[in-house]
N, C-alpha and C. Protein backbone atom coordinates (compact mmCIF):
# COMPACT_ATOMS: atom_id res chain seq x y z
N MET A 1 24.12 -98.31 -49.71
CA MET A 1 24.23 -97.17 -50.59
C MET A 1 25.69 -96.91 -50.97
N PHE A 2 26.57 -97.05 -50.00
CA PHE A 2 27.99 -96.83 -50.26
C PHE A 2 28.48 -97.75 -51.38
N LEU A 3 28.15 -99.03 -51.27
CA LEU A 3 28.61 -99.99 -52.28
C LEU A 3 28.00 -99.69 -53.64
N GLU A 4 26.75 -99.27 -53.67
CA GLU A 4 26.11 -98.91 -54.94
C GLU A 4 26.84 -97.72 -55.58
N LEU A 5 27.15 -96.72 -54.79
CA LEU A 5 27.85 -95.55 -55.32
C LEU A 5 29.22 -95.93 -55.87
N ARG A 6 29.94 -96.76 -55.12
CA ARG A 6 31.27 -97.18 -55.59
C ARG A 6 31.16 -98.01 -56.86
N ALA A 7 30.15 -98.88 -56.94
CA ALA A 7 29.96 -99.71 -58.13
C ALA A 7 29.62 -98.85 -59.36
N ARG A 8 28.98 -97.73 -59.14
CA ARG A 8 28.64 -96.82 -60.24
C ARG A 8 29.80 -95.89 -60.60
N GLY A 9 30.90 -96.00 -59.89
CA GLY A 9 32.09 -95.22 -60.23
C GLY A 9 32.25 -93.91 -59.50
N PHE A 10 31.51 -93.73 -58.41
CA PHE A 10 31.61 -92.49 -57.64
C PHE A 10 32.69 -92.58 -56.57
N GLU A 11 33.33 -91.48 -56.34
CA GLU A 11 34.23 -91.29 -55.20
C GLU A 11 33.50 -90.38 -54.24
N LEU A 12 33.49 -90.72 -52.97
CA LEU A 12 32.81 -89.91 -51.97
C LEU A 12 33.83 -89.23 -51.08
N LEU A 13 33.65 -87.96 -50.86
CA LEU A 13 34.55 -87.17 -50.02
C LEU A 13 33.74 -86.52 -48.91
N THR A 14 34.32 -86.38 -47.75
CA THR A 14 33.66 -85.68 -46.65
C THR A 14 34.54 -84.52 -46.20
N GLN A 15 33.87 -83.52 -45.69
CA GLN A 15 34.60 -82.42 -45.08
C GLN A 15 33.73 -81.82 -43.99
N LYS A 16 34.37 -81.29 -42.99
CA LYS A 16 33.61 -80.65 -41.91
C LYS A 16 32.87 -79.45 -42.46
N SER A 17 31.64 -79.31 -42.00
CA SER A 17 30.80 -78.21 -42.44
C SER A 17 29.92 -77.76 -41.28
N PRO A 18 30.29 -76.71 -40.60
CA PRO A 18 29.50 -76.26 -39.44
C PRO A 18 28.08 -75.83 -39.83
N GLU A 19 27.85 -75.51 -41.09
CA GLU A 19 26.52 -75.11 -41.53
C GLU A 19 25.55 -76.29 -41.63
N ASP A 20 26.09 -77.50 -41.75
CA ASP A 20 25.26 -78.69 -41.91
C ASP A 20 24.88 -79.25 -40.55
N LEU A 21 23.67 -79.76 -40.41
CA LEU A 21 23.21 -80.31 -39.14
C LEU A 21 24.06 -81.48 -38.66
N THR A 22 24.59 -82.27 -39.59
CA THR A 22 25.43 -83.41 -39.22
C THR A 22 26.85 -82.99 -38.89
N GLY A 23 27.23 -81.77 -39.30
CA GLY A 23 28.59 -81.29 -39.09
C GLY A 23 29.52 -81.63 -40.23
N TYR A 24 29.00 -82.36 -41.24
CA TYR A 24 29.81 -82.78 -42.38
C TYR A 24 29.04 -82.63 -43.68
N ALA A 25 29.77 -82.36 -44.74
CA ALA A 25 29.21 -82.34 -46.08
C ALA A 25 29.81 -83.51 -46.85
N ILE A 26 29.03 -84.08 -47.75
CA ILE A 26 29.50 -85.15 -48.63
C ILE A 26 29.56 -84.60 -50.04
N SER A 27 30.68 -84.84 -50.71
CA SER A 27 30.84 -84.46 -52.11
C SER A 27 30.98 -85.72 -52.94
N LEU A 28 30.40 -85.68 -54.14
CA LEU A 28 30.51 -86.80 -55.07
C LEU A 28 31.39 -86.41 -56.24
N VAL A 29 32.24 -87.34 -56.63
CA VAL A 29 33.06 -87.16 -57.82
C VAL A 29 32.80 -88.39 -58.67
N GLY A 30 32.38 -88.17 -59.90
CA GLY A 30 32.11 -89.31 -60.77
C GLY A 30 31.14 -88.98 -61.88
N PRO A 31 30.48 -90.01 -62.38
CA PRO A 31 29.59 -89.83 -63.52
C PRO A 31 28.39 -88.94 -63.19
N ALA A 32 27.69 -88.54 -64.22
CA ALA A 32 26.51 -87.68 -64.05
C ALA A 32 25.42 -88.44 -63.28
N TYR A 33 24.61 -87.69 -62.59
CA TYR A 33 23.50 -88.27 -61.84
C TYR A 33 22.32 -87.33 -61.92
N ASP A 34 21.12 -87.87 -61.67
CA ASP A 34 19.91 -87.05 -61.73
C ASP A 34 19.44 -86.66 -60.33
N ASP A 35 18.40 -85.84 -60.27
CA ASP A 35 17.90 -85.34 -58.98
C ASP A 35 17.39 -86.47 -58.09
N GLU A 36 16.76 -87.48 -58.69
CA GLU A 36 16.24 -88.60 -57.90
C GLU A 36 17.38 -89.33 -57.20
N PHE A 37 18.46 -89.54 -57.91
CA PHE A 37 19.63 -90.20 -57.33
C PHE A 37 20.22 -89.34 -56.21
N LEU A 38 20.29 -88.04 -56.43
CA LEU A 38 20.81 -87.13 -55.41
C LEU A 38 19.93 -87.15 -54.16
N GLN A 39 18.62 -87.24 -54.33
CA GLN A 39 17.71 -87.32 -53.18
C GLN A 39 17.94 -88.61 -52.38
N ARG A 40 18.22 -89.71 -53.07
CA ARG A 40 18.53 -90.97 -52.37
C ARG A 40 19.80 -90.83 -51.55
N ILE A 41 20.78 -90.15 -52.12
CA ILE A 41 22.04 -89.94 -51.40
C ILE A 41 21.79 -89.09 -50.15
N LYS A 42 21.03 -88.02 -50.31
CA LYS A 42 20.71 -87.16 -49.16
C LYS A 42 19.96 -87.93 -48.08
N ALA A 43 19.03 -88.79 -48.50
CA ALA A 43 18.25 -89.57 -47.53
C ALA A 43 19.12 -90.56 -46.78
N ASN A 44 20.20 -90.99 -47.40
CA ASN A 44 21.10 -91.97 -46.79
C ASN A 44 22.36 -91.35 -46.21
N LYS A 45 22.40 -90.04 -46.11
CA LYS A 45 23.60 -89.34 -45.66
C LYS A 45 24.09 -89.80 -44.28
N PRO A 46 23.23 -89.98 -43.28
CA PRO A 46 23.75 -90.42 -41.99
C PRO A 46 24.49 -91.76 -42.07
N GLY A 47 23.94 -92.70 -42.80
CA GLY A 47 24.60 -93.99 -42.96
C GLY A 47 25.88 -93.89 -43.75
N LEU A 48 25.88 -93.05 -44.78
CA LEU A 48 27.10 -92.86 -45.57
C LEU A 48 28.20 -92.24 -44.72
N LEU A 49 27.83 -91.28 -43.89
CA LEU A 49 28.83 -90.66 -43.02
C LEU A 49 29.41 -91.67 -42.04
N LYS A 50 28.57 -92.58 -41.54
CA LYS A 50 29.07 -93.61 -40.63
C LYS A 50 30.15 -94.44 -41.30
N VAL A 51 29.90 -94.80 -42.55
CA VAL A 51 30.88 -95.61 -43.28
C VAL A 51 32.12 -94.78 -43.62
N LEU A 52 31.91 -93.58 -44.14
CA LEU A 52 33.03 -92.76 -44.58
C LEU A 52 33.92 -92.31 -43.42
N LEU A 53 33.32 -92.06 -42.28
CA LEU A 53 34.09 -91.57 -41.14
C LEU A 53 34.48 -92.70 -40.19
N ASN A 54 34.16 -93.94 -40.56
CA ASN A 54 34.52 -95.12 -39.78
C ASN A 54 33.96 -95.03 -38.36
N ARG A 55 32.68 -94.68 -38.26
CA ARG A 55 32.05 -94.54 -36.95
C ARG A 55 30.89 -95.52 -36.81
N TRP A 56 30.81 -96.16 -35.71
CA TRP A 56 29.67 -96.99 -35.32
C TRP A 56 29.36 -98.13 -36.28
N ASP A 57 30.30 -98.56 -37.08
CA ASP A 57 30.03 -99.66 -37.99
C ASP A 57 31.13 -100.71 -37.86
N PRO A 58 30.83 -101.83 -37.22
CA PRO A 58 31.86 -102.85 -37.03
C PRO A 58 32.31 -103.51 -38.33
N ASP A 59 31.54 -103.36 -39.39
CA ASP A 59 31.89 -103.97 -40.67
C ASP A 59 32.57 -102.98 -41.62
N PHE A 60 33.08 -101.89 -41.09
CA PHE A 60 33.66 -100.84 -41.93
C PHE A 60 34.70 -101.35 -42.91
N GLU A 61 35.65 -102.13 -42.41
CA GLU A 61 36.73 -102.58 -43.29
C GLU A 61 36.20 -103.46 -44.42
N ALA A 62 35.27 -104.34 -44.13
CA ALA A 62 34.70 -105.21 -45.17
C ALA A 62 33.94 -104.38 -46.20
N ILE A 63 33.20 -103.39 -45.76
CA ILE A 63 32.45 -102.54 -46.69
C ILE A 63 33.40 -101.76 -47.57
N GLN A 64 34.44 -101.18 -46.99
CA GLN A 64 35.42 -100.41 -47.75
C GLN A 64 36.13 -101.31 -48.78
N GLN A 65 36.52 -102.51 -48.37
CA GLN A 65 37.22 -103.41 -49.28
C GLN A 65 36.32 -103.83 -50.43
N GLU A 66 35.06 -104.12 -50.15
CA GLU A 66 34.16 -104.53 -51.22
C GLU A 66 33.87 -103.39 -52.18
N GLY A 67 33.91 -102.16 -51.68
CA GLY A 67 33.64 -101.00 -52.51
C GLY A 67 34.87 -100.50 -53.27
N ALA A 68 36.04 -101.06 -53.01
CA ALA A 68 37.25 -100.61 -53.69
C ALA A 68 37.24 -101.06 -55.15
N PRO A 69 37.73 -100.20 -56.05
CA PRO A 69 37.74 -100.56 -57.48
C PRO A 69 38.66 -101.71 -57.80
């Protein structure tokens, strides 16, 4: 999902959010998207957070490099 978002021109940002069950919120910056796309992002939030926060993913650097513009 991370690579798809980057390929579509999105920038993903995280910030701590005590109100969220994961403890983090994800913000998207980029082109317009529809509700179906937003639901896919929400469904993949745990995996996206792993990549964005560099946690539990041994391939983090490769994923980040492939997703770079």
